[in-house]
Structure formats: structure tokens, C-alpha cells
Amino acid sequence: MTTVLVVDDQSLIRQAVSDILSHADGIEVVGEAVDGQDAVAAAARLRPDVIVMDIRMPRLDGIAATAAICADPDLASTRVLILTTFEEDEYIVTALRAGASGFIGKGSEPDEIVHAVHAVNAGEALLSPAATRSLITKYVTPQRTAAPLRSIPPELEALTEREREVLLLVARGRSNQEIADDLHISPHTAKTHVNRVMTKVHAHDRAQLVILAYETGLLAPGSP
């Protein structure tokens, strides 16, 4: 059973999302919060598997709340799914840097919201390649020119050549199975590589690996 905390300062949206998830198989809504400050306290108390988080809220916004939650070692297994509107695109990259696992629009269909919760709980970064590259192009400024890299960026120095390969494939939107197929290794080995990369670069989730790859110039916006 996937436990979920729903966070939104608008009661109608909060209730609607809670109702959708409460009626979904394999999901239990264990709490609600009206702002980021309440969300941080509720997360510490309830330790949910997934937090559905609004961005714009009083007292403490969703980005700051996400950062606080993802920085708490006791909540290392908790995933944050950002609930957003198209006007908030510029905040999404910041939220992903803070540790969010992905984002979904407030106008999404109920089955899309349910799928998103299951996906992030399974450890998947909920980022379509098209959406990711659009956001990266708009809001992420590469620190250096992408490939071929003449020297390894400091952020990637701890990685082996194979781990940099894996990071590049994650940034291109590949699943663990697809990484395994591309590199002719087992899915278990691919998953081990991904987890090792996240540990070495101190990433909370795959989404942060995507941004790291672009910011370090390992992958350029618009590249295949």
C-alpha cells in the first residue's frame, strides 16, 4: 500500500486530489496539509511514501518544503510529486533541484494522477523527455559546453566512465530496463549503477540526475 500526504492551500483542490487517490487501488491518503510548514511537520510525523505538493502556498512554499523534506535523512524514502499549473513552469526546475521526483499538472485526469503517484513511489522520475528538455532549455543554464568534454567537471569526478554513461542515459529519459538493453547488462546491474551514481553525486532522485547532466554539460539541450 502506497501512503500519500496531500498538500495544497486550496481546500477544493486538496479535497479533490485526496478523493481521487483514496479511491485508487493500492493507495492510502494518510493526511493533508494546508501549507509547506504543515507539510514538513506532517511528513515527519506520518512518513508517507509520496507527498503531492503544491508550489505556491503561504508561510512556507512548496519548494522550500520539498527541500526541507528531502534533506531529512529520516525521510530518505519519501518522494515528492509537485502539483503545478503551466504558469509555474519556471519554478519546476528549482523544485527538482530541491529533490522533487517529478511534476504533474492540476488539470490532469484522475488516472494520470494515480499513475504519477505509483510511478514516483516505484523510484521513477516522472519526467517525459519532451517536458524535461523544454524546461531545461528555458530555465537551466549549462555551466560549460557539452560534449566532447575535454575534462571531467568536478561534480562528476567521483564517477567511473560506466557511471557517467549511465548518468547520460538517465538524462535522456531511459528506464532501468532500457539502460540495461543499451549497455548489454542486467536490469539489476543497471539499477545498481543508477543508485551508485545518485549516492556519489548526492542526488535524492533521478530527476536531479537529469538536471546535473545538463548543468555540467554532459548533455546539451536539444541533443538526442
C-alpha atoms as a PDB file:
ATOM      1  CA  MET A   1       0.000   0.000   0.000  1.00  0.00           C
ATOM      2  CA  THR A   2       1.380   3.419  -1.018  1.00  0.00           C
ATOM      3  CA  THR A   3       0.780   6.065   1.642  1.00  0.00           C
ATOM      4  CA  VAL A   4       0.228   9.646   0.477  1.00  0.00           C
ATOM      5  CA  LEU A   5       0.194  13.116   2.042  1.00  0.00           C
ATOM      6  CA  VAL A   6      -1.685  15.762   0.006  1.00  0.00           C
ATOM      7  CA  VAL A   7      -0.526  19.379   0.369  1.00  0.00           C
ATOM      8  CA  ASP A   8      -2.390  22.359  -1.097  1.00  0.00           C
ATOM      9  CA  ASP A   9      -3.661  25.607   0.389  1.00  0.00           C
ATOM     10  CA  GLN A  10      -6.823  25.485  -1.749  1.00  0.00           C
ATOM     11  CA  SER A  11      -9.313  23.244   0.004  1.00  0.00           C
ATOM     12  CA  LEU A  12     -11.196  22.269  -3.167  1.00  0.00           C
ATOM     13  CA  ILE A  13      -8.053  21.052  -4.917  1.00  0.00           C
ATOM     14  CA  ARG A  14      -6.750  19.343  -1.791  1.00  0.00           C
ATOM     15  CA  GLN A  15     -10.046  17.518  -1.299  1.00  0.00           C
ATOM     16  CA  ALA A  16     -10.373  16.587  -4.972  1.00  0.00           C
ATOM     17  CA  VAL A  17      -6.884  15.077  -5.118  1.00  0.00           C
ATOM     18  CA  SER A  18      -7.430  13.246  -1.832  1.00  0.00           C
ATOM     19  CA  ASP A  19     -10.721  11.809  -3.094  1.00  0.00           C
ATOM     20  CA  ILE A  20      -9.144  10.632  -6.360  1.00  0.00           C
ATOM     21  CA  LEU A  21      -6.269   8.901  -4.581  1.00  0.00           C
ATOM     22  CA  SER A  22      -8.420   7.459  -1.793  1.00  0.00           C
ATOM     23  CA  HIS A  23     -10.480   5.557  -4.362  1.00  0.00           C
ATOM     24  CA  ALA A  24      -7.440   4.206  -6.212  1.00  0.00           C
ATOM     25  CA  ASP A  25      -6.201   0.664  -5.719  1.00  0.00           C
ATOM     26  CA  GLY A  26      -3.054   0.378  -3.649  1.00  0.00           C
ATOM     27  CA  ILE A  27      -3.103   3.962  -2.335  1.00  0.00           C
ATOM     28  CA  GLU A  28      -3.979   5.273   1.121  1.00  0.00           C
ATOM     29  CA  VAL A  29      -4.203   9.007   1.849  1.00  0.00           C
ATOM     30  CA  VAL A  30      -2.818   9.290   5.374  1.00  0.00           C
ATOM     31  CA  GLY A  31      -3.037  13.060   5.766  1.00  0.00           C
ATOM     32  CA  GLU A  32      -3.489  16.529   4.327  1.00  0.00           C
ATOM     33  CA  ALA A  33      -1.618  19.790   4.900  1.00  0.00           C
ATOM     34  CA  VAL A  34      -2.597  23.373   4.072  1.00  0.00           C
ATOM     35  CA  ASP A  35       0.889  24.835   3.547  1.00  0.00           C
ATOM     36  CA  GLY A  36       4.561  23.961   3.429  1.00  0.00           C
ATOM     37  CA  GLN A  37       5.115  24.370   7.140  1.00  0.00           C
ATOM     38  CA  ASP A  38       2.312  21.939   7.930  1.00  0.00           C
ATOM     39  CA  ALA A  39       3.663  19.621   5.231  1.00  0.00           C
ATOM     40  CA  VAL A  40       7.113  19.389   6.823  1.00  0.00           C
ATOM     41  CA  ALA A  41       5.586  18.622  10.229  1.00  0.00           C
ATOM     42  CA  ALA A  42       3.119  16.097   8.795  1.00  0.00           C
ATOM     43  CA  ALA A  43       5.835  14.372   6.778  1.00  0.00           C
ATOM     44  CA  ALA A  44       7.976  13.917   9.879  1.00  0.00           C
ATOM     45  CA  ARG A  45       5.009  12.554  11.791  1.00  0.00           C
ATOM     46  CA  LEU A  46       3.420  10.334   9.116  1.00  0.00           C
ATOM     47  CA  ARG A  47       6.439   9.398   6.974  1.00  0.00           C
ATOM     48  CA  PRO A  48       4.374   8.911   3.811  1.00  0.00           C
ATOM     49  CA  ASP A  49       5.710   7.185   0.725  1.00  0.00           C
ATOM     50  CA  VAL A  50       4.644  10.071  -1.520  1.00  0.00           C
ATOM     51  CA  ILE A  51       3.811  13.728  -0.930  1.00  0.00           C
ATOM     52  CA  VAL A  52       1.673  15.507  -3.543  1.00  0.00           C
ATOM     53  CA  MET A  53       2.905  19.082  -3.124  1.00  0.00           C
ATOM     54  CA  ASP A  54       1.555  22.418  -4.354  1.00  0.00           C
ATOM     55  CA  ILE A  55       4.104  25.155  -5.122  1.00  0.00           C
ATOM     56  CA  ARG A  56       2.508  28.456  -4.147  1.00  0.00           C
ATOM     57  CA  MET A  57       1.398  28.395  -0.513  1.00  0.00           C
ATOM     58  CA  PRO A  58       1.508  30.759   2.475  1.00  0.00           C
ATOM     59  CA  ARG A  59       4.044  30.618   5.312  1.00  0.00           C
ATOM     60  CA  LEU A  60       6.311  28.143   3.505  1.00  0.00           C
ATOM     61  CA  ASP A  61       6.048  27.429  -0.211  1.00  0.00           C
ATOM     62  CA  GLY A  62       6.246  24.002  -1.806  1.00  0.00           C
ATOM     63  CA  ILE A  63       9.831  24.388  -2.988  1.00  0.00           C
ATOM     64  CA  ALA A  64      11.169  25.227   0.479  1.00  0.00           C
ATOM     65  CA  ALA A  65       9.062  22.444   1.983  1.00  0.00           C
ATOM     66  CA  THR A  66      10.383  19.969  -0.593  1.00  0.00           C
ATOM     67  CA  ALA A  67      13.972  20.966   0.185  1.00  0.00           C
ATOM     68  CA  ALA A  68      13.402  20.506   3.925  1.00  0.00           C
ATOM     69  CA  ILE A  69      11.737  17.129   3.485  1.00  0.00           C
ATOM     70  CA  CYS A  70      14.329  15.776   1.039  1.00  0.00           C
ATOM     71  CA  ALA A  71      17.172  16.921   3.306  1.00  0.00           C
ATOM     72  CA  ASP A  72      15.776  14.927   6.262  1.00  0.00           C
ATOM     73  CA  PRO A  73      17.587  11.566   6.448  1.00  0.00           C
ATOM     74  CA  ASP A  74      14.577  10.066   8.223  1.00  0.00           C
ATOM     75  CA  LEU A  75      12.526  10.781   5.075  1.00  0.00           C
ATOM     76  CA  ALA A  76      15.031   9.398   2.573  1.00  0.00           C
ATOM     77  CA  SER A  77      12.425   7.049   1.104  1.00  0.00           C
ATOM     78  CA  THR A  78       9.711   9.713   0.793  1.00  0.00           C
ATOM     79  CA  ARG A  79       9.115  11.014  -2.739  1.00  0.00           C
ATOM     80  CA  VAL A  80       7.682  14.435  -3.594  1.00  0.00           C
ATOM     81  CA  LEU A  81       5.373  14.892  -6.582  1.00  0.00           C
ATOM     82  CA  ILE A  82       4.851  18.551  -7.487  1.00  0.00           C
ATOM     83  CA  LEU A  83       1.300  19.594  -8.364  1.00  0.00           C
ATOM     84  CA  THR A  84       1.584  22.550 -10.704  1.00  0.00           C
ATOM     85  CA  THR A  85      -0.033  24.829 -13.272  1.00  0.00           C
ATOM     86  CA  PHE A  86       1.537  25.954 -16.538  1.00  0.00           C
ATOM     87  CA  GLU A  87       2.193  29.395 -15.067  1.00  0.00           C
ATOM     88  CA  GLU A  88       4.605  27.821 -12.582  1.00  0.00           C
ATOM     89  CA  ASP A  89       6.967  26.152 -15.078  1.00  0.00           C
ATOM     90  CA  GLU A  90       9.851  28.401 -14.053  1.00  0.00           C
ATOM     91  CA  TYR A  91       9.661  27.020 -10.515  1.00  0.00           C
ATOM     92  CA  ILE A  92       9.715  23.365 -11.538  1.00  0.00           C
ATOM     93  CA  VAL A  93      13.459  23.097 -12.160  1.00  0.00           C
ATOM     94  CA  THR A  94      14.063  24.684  -8.754  1.00  0.00           C
ATOM     95  CA  ALA A  95      11.723  22.127  -7.196  1.00  0.00           C
ATOM     96  CA  LEU A  96      13.530  19.283  -8.962  1.00  0.00           C
ATOM     97  CA  ARG A  97      16.877  20.601  -7.713  1.00  0.00           C
ATOM     98  CA  ALA A  98      15.376  20.595  -4.214  1.00  0.00           C
ATOM     99  CA  GLY A  99      14.676  16.886  -4.570  1.00  0.00           C
ATOM    100  CA  ALA A 100      11.214  16.539  -6.112  1.00  0.00           C
ATOM    101  CA  SER A 101      10.738  13.351  -8.131  1.00  0.00           C
ATOM    102  CA  GLY A 102       8.594  14.940 -10.815  1.00  0.00           C
ATOM    103  CA  PHE A 103       5.571  17.066 -11.518  1.00  0.00           C
ATOM    104  CA  ILE A 104       2.011  16.796 -12.764  1.00  0.00           C
ATOM    105  CA  GLY A 105      -0.500  19.433 -13.829  1.00  0.00           C
ATOM    106  CA  LYS A 106      -3.515  20.336 -11.731  1.00  0.00           C
ATOM    107  CA  GLY A 107      -5.662  19.758 -14.795  1.00  0.00           C
ATOM    108  CA  SER A 108      -4.536  16.138 -15.194  1.00  0.00           C
ATOM    109  CA  GLU A 109      -7.052  13.323 -15.450  1.00  0.00           C
ATOM    110  CA  PRO A 110      -7.636  11.222 -12.307  1.00  0.00           C
ATOM    111  CA  ASP A 111      -5.923   8.161 -13.774  1.00  0.00           C
ATOM    112  CA  GLU A 112      -2.874  10.283 -14.647  1.00  0.00           C
ATOM    113  CA  ILE A 113      -2.588  11.461 -11.040  1.00  0.00           C
ATOM    114  CA  VAL A 114      -2.879   7.887  -9.769  1.00  0.00           C
ATOM    115  CA  HIS A 115      -0.236   6.704 -12.254  1.00  0.00           C
ATOM    116  CA  ALA A 116       2.073   9.553 -11.209  1.00  0.00           C
ATOM    117  CA  VAL A 117       1.879   8.587  -7.544  1.00  0.00           C
ATOM    118  CA  HIS A 118       2.610   4.930  -8.307  1.00  0.00           C
ATOM    119  CA  ALA A 119       5.460   5.915 -10.641  1.00  0.00           C
ATOM    120  CA  VAL A 120       7.347   8.110  -8.195  1.00  0.00           C
ATOM    121  CA  ASN A 121       6.806   5.597  -5.403  1.00  0.00           C
ATOM    122  CA  ALA A 122       8.451   2.995  -7.635  1.00  0.00           C
ATOM    123  CA  GLY A 123      11.509   5.239  -7.909  1.00  0.00           C
ATOM    124  CA  GLU A 124      10.814   6.545 -11.393  1.00  0.00           C
ATOM    125  CA  ALA A 125      11.421  10.191 -12.244  1.00  0.00           C
ATOM    126  CA  LEU A 126       8.120  11.445 -13.594  1.00  0.00           C
ATOM    127  CA  LEU A 127       9.620  13.482 -16.401  1.00  0.00           C
ATOM    128  CA  SER A 128       8.800  12.926 -20.029  1.00  0.00           C
ATOM    129  CA  PRO A 129      11.830  13.641 -22.255  1.00  0.00           C
ATOM    130  CA  ALA A 130       9.879  16.352 -24.118  1.00  0.00           C
ATOM    131  CA  ALA A 131       8.797  18.141 -20.943  1.00  0.00           C
ATOM    132  CA  THR A 132      12.248  17.857 -19.406  1.00  0.00           C
ATOM    133  CA  ARG A 133      14.071  19.260 -22.419  1.00  0.00           C
ATOM    134  CA  SER A 134      11.598  22.123 -22.754  1.00  0.00           C
ATOM    135  CA  LEU A 135      12.166  23.119 -19.136  1.00  0.00           C
ATOM    136  CA  ILE A 136      15.925  22.657 -19.374  1.00  0.00           C
ATOM    137  CA  THR A 137      16.143  24.832 -22.472  1.00  0.00           C
ATOM    138  CA  LYS A 138      14.167  27.610 -20.798  1.00  0.00           C
ATOM    139  CA  TYR A 139      15.456  27.596 -17.276  1.00  0.00           C
ATOM    140  CA  VAL A 140      18.750  25.718 -16.891  1.00  0.00           C
ATOM    141  CA  THR A 141      21.955  27.483 -17.876  1.00  0.00           C
ATOM    142  CA  PRO A 142      24.719  24.988 -18.700  1.00  0.00           C
ATOM    143  CA  GLN A 143      27.901  25.747 -16.752  1.00  0.00           C
ATOM    144  CA  ARG A 144      30.025  24.535 -19.671  1.00  0.00           C
ATOM    145  CA  THR A 145      29.703  23.463 -23.263  1.00  0.00           C
ATOM    146  CA  ALA A 146      28.568  19.898 -23.756  1.00  0.00           C
ATOM    147  CA  ALA A 147      30.362  17.032 -25.438  1.00  0.00           C
ATOM    148  CA  PRO A 148      33.014  16.298 -26.147  1.00  0.00           C
ATOM    149  CA  LEU A 149      34.154  17.051 -22.606  1.00  0.00           C
ATOM    150  CA  ARG A 150      37.893  17.813 -22.560  1.00  0.00           C
ATOM    151  CA  SER A 151      37.984  17.443 -18.790  1.00  0.00           C
ATOM    152  CA  ILE A 152      35.610  15.920 -16.280  1.00  0.00           C
ATOM    153  CA  PRO A 153      33.511  18.505 -14.380  1.00  0.00           C
ATOM    154  CA  PRO A 154      34.219  18.449 -10.624  1.00  0.00           C
ATOM    155  CA  GLU A 155      30.657  17.277  -9.909  1.00  0.00           C
ATOM    156  CA  LEU A 156      31.312  14.126 -11.958  1.00  0.00           C
ATOM    157  CA  GLU A 157      34.881  13.324 -10.898  1.00  0.00           C
ATOM    158  CA  ALA A 158      33.770  10.647  -8.438  1.00  0.00           C
ATOM    159  CA  LEU A 159      32.015   8.700 -11.204  1.00  0.00           C
ATOM    160  CA  THR A 160      33.574   5.934 -13.247  1.00  0.00           C
ATOM    161  CA  GLU A 161      33.331   6.046 -17.035  1.00  0.00           C
ATOM    162  CA  ARG A 162      30.484   3.487 -16.922  1.00  0.00           C
ATOM    163  CA  GLU A 163      28.647   5.522 -14.287  1.00  0.00           C
ATOM    164  CA  ARG A 164      28.897   8.643 -16.470  1.00  0.00           C
ATOM    165  CA  GLU A 165      27.425   6.557 -19.286  1.00  0.00           C
ATOM    166  CA  VAL A 166      24.547   5.589 -17.012  1.00  0.00           C
ATOM    167  CA  LEU A 167      24.030   9.204 -15.937  1.00  0.00           C
ATOM    168  CA  LEU A 168      23.813  10.254 -19.581  1.00  0.00           C
ATOM    169  CA  LEU A 169      21.210   7.580 -20.303  1.00  0.00           C
ATOM    170  CA  VAL A 170      19.143   8.602 -17.265  1.00  0.00           C
ATOM    171  CA  ALA A 171      19.250  12.210 -18.504  1.00  0.00           C
ATOM    172  CA  ARG A 172      17.956  11.023 -21.870  1.00  0.00           C
ATOM    173  CA  GLY A 173      14.922   9.546 -20.142  1.00  0.00           C
ATOM    174  CA  ARG A 174      15.912   5.867 -20.238  1.00  0.00           C
ATOM    175  CA  SER A 175      14.345   3.451 -17.746  1.00  0.00           C
ATOM    176  CA  ASN A 176      16.473   0.878 -15.926  1.00  0.00           C
ATOM    177  CA  GLN A 177      15.364  -1.765 -18.438  1.00  0.00           C
ATOM    178  CA  GLU A 178      16.304   0.473 -21.368  1.00  0.00           C
ATOM    179  CA  ILE A 179      19.683   1.260 -19.774  1.00  0.00           C
ATOM    180  CA  ALA A 180      20.259  -2.473 -19.382  1.00  0.00           C
ATOM    181  CA  ASP A 181      19.402  -3.054 -23.044  1.00  0.00           C
ATOM    182  CA  ASP A 182      21.619  -0.178 -24.240  1.00  0.00           C
ATOM    183  CA  LEU A 183      24.638  -1.309 -22.206  1.00  0.00           C
ATOM    184  CA  HIS A 184      24.027  -5.074 -22.526  1.00  0.00           C
ATOM    185  CA  ILE A 185      23.822  -5.573 -18.775  1.00  0.00           C
ATOM    186  CA  SER A 186      21.107  -6.938 -16.482  1.00  0.00           C
ATOM    187  CA  PRO A 187      18.312  -4.665 -15.182  1.00  0.00           C
ATOM    188  CA  HIS A 188      19.574  -5.341 -11.648  1.00  0.00           C
ATOM    189  CA  THR A 189      23.060  -4.142 -12.597  1.00  0.00           C
ATOM    190  CA  ALA A 190      21.578  -1.077 -14.295  1.00  0.00           C
ATOM    191  CA  LYS A 191      19.597  -0.250 -11.159  1.00  0.00           C
ATOM    192  CA  THR A 192      22.734  -0.713  -9.035  1.00  0.00           C
ATOM    193  CA  HIS A 193      24.656   1.699 -11.274  1.00  0.00           C
ATOM    194  CA  VAL A 194      21.883   4.313 -11.076  1.00  0.00           C
ATOM    195  CA  ASN A 195      21.716   4.062  -7.287  1.00  0.00           C
ATOM    196  CA  ARG A 196      25.509   4.309  -7.026  1.00  0.00           C
ATOM    197  CA  VAL A 197      25.522   7.430  -9.211  1.00  0.00           C
ATOM    198  CA  MET A 198      22.829   9.048  -7.045  1.00  0.00           C
ATOM    199  CA  THR A 199      24.821   8.267  -3.913  1.00  0.00           C
ATOM    200  CA  LYS A 200      28.084   9.653  -5.310  1.00  0.00           C
ATOM    201  CA  VAL A 201      26.582  12.949  -6.532  1.00  0.00           C
ATOM    202  CA  HIS A 202      24.261  13.278  -3.501  1.00  0.00           C
ATOM    203  CA  ALA A 203      21.095  13.188  -5.624  1.00  0.00           C
ATOM    204  CA  HIS A 204      17.798  12.430  -3.911  1.00  0.00           C
ATOM    205  CA  ASP A 205      16.182  11.220  -7.112  1.00  0.00           C
ATOM    206  CA  ARG A 206      16.648  10.547 -10.835  1.00  0.00           C
ATOM    207  CA  ALA A 207      15.218  13.976 -11.614  1.00  0.00           C
ATOM    208  CA  GLN A 208      18.250  15.614 -10.013  1.00  0.00           C
ATOM    209  CA  LEU A 209      20.499  13.476 -12.211  1.00  0.00           C
ATOM    210  CA  VAL A 210      18.767  14.880 -15.290  1.00  0.00           C
ATOM    211  CA  ILE A 211      19.476  18.462 -14.223  1.00  0.00           C
ATOM    212  CA  LEU A 212      23.067  17.612 -13.234  1.00  0.00           C
ATOM    213  CA  ALA A 213      23.755  16.171 -16.683  1.00  0.00           C
ATOM    214  CA  TYR A 214      22.600  19.373 -18.362  1.00  0.00           C
ATOM    215  CA  GLU A 215      24.242  21.775 -15.922  1.00  0.00           C
ATOM    216  CA  THR A 216      27.623  20.059 -16.168  1.00  0.00           C
ATOM    217  CA  GLY A 217      27.471  19.972 -19.957  1.00  0.00           C
ATOM    218  CA  LEU A 218      27.391  16.164 -20.115  1.00  0.00           C
ATOM    219  CA  LEU A 219      24.235  16.561 -22.206  1.00  0.00           C
ATOM    220  CA  ALA A 220      23.289  19.639 -24.202  1.00  0.00           C
ATOM    221  CA  PRO A 221      19.711  20.926 -24.589  1.00  0.00           C
ATOM    222  CA  GLY A 222      18.395  19.725 -27.909  1.00  0.00           C
ATOM    223  CA  SER A 223      20.846  16.832 -28.230  1.00  0.00           C
ATOM    224  CA  PRO A 224      19.434  13.353 -28.971  1.00  0.00           C
END
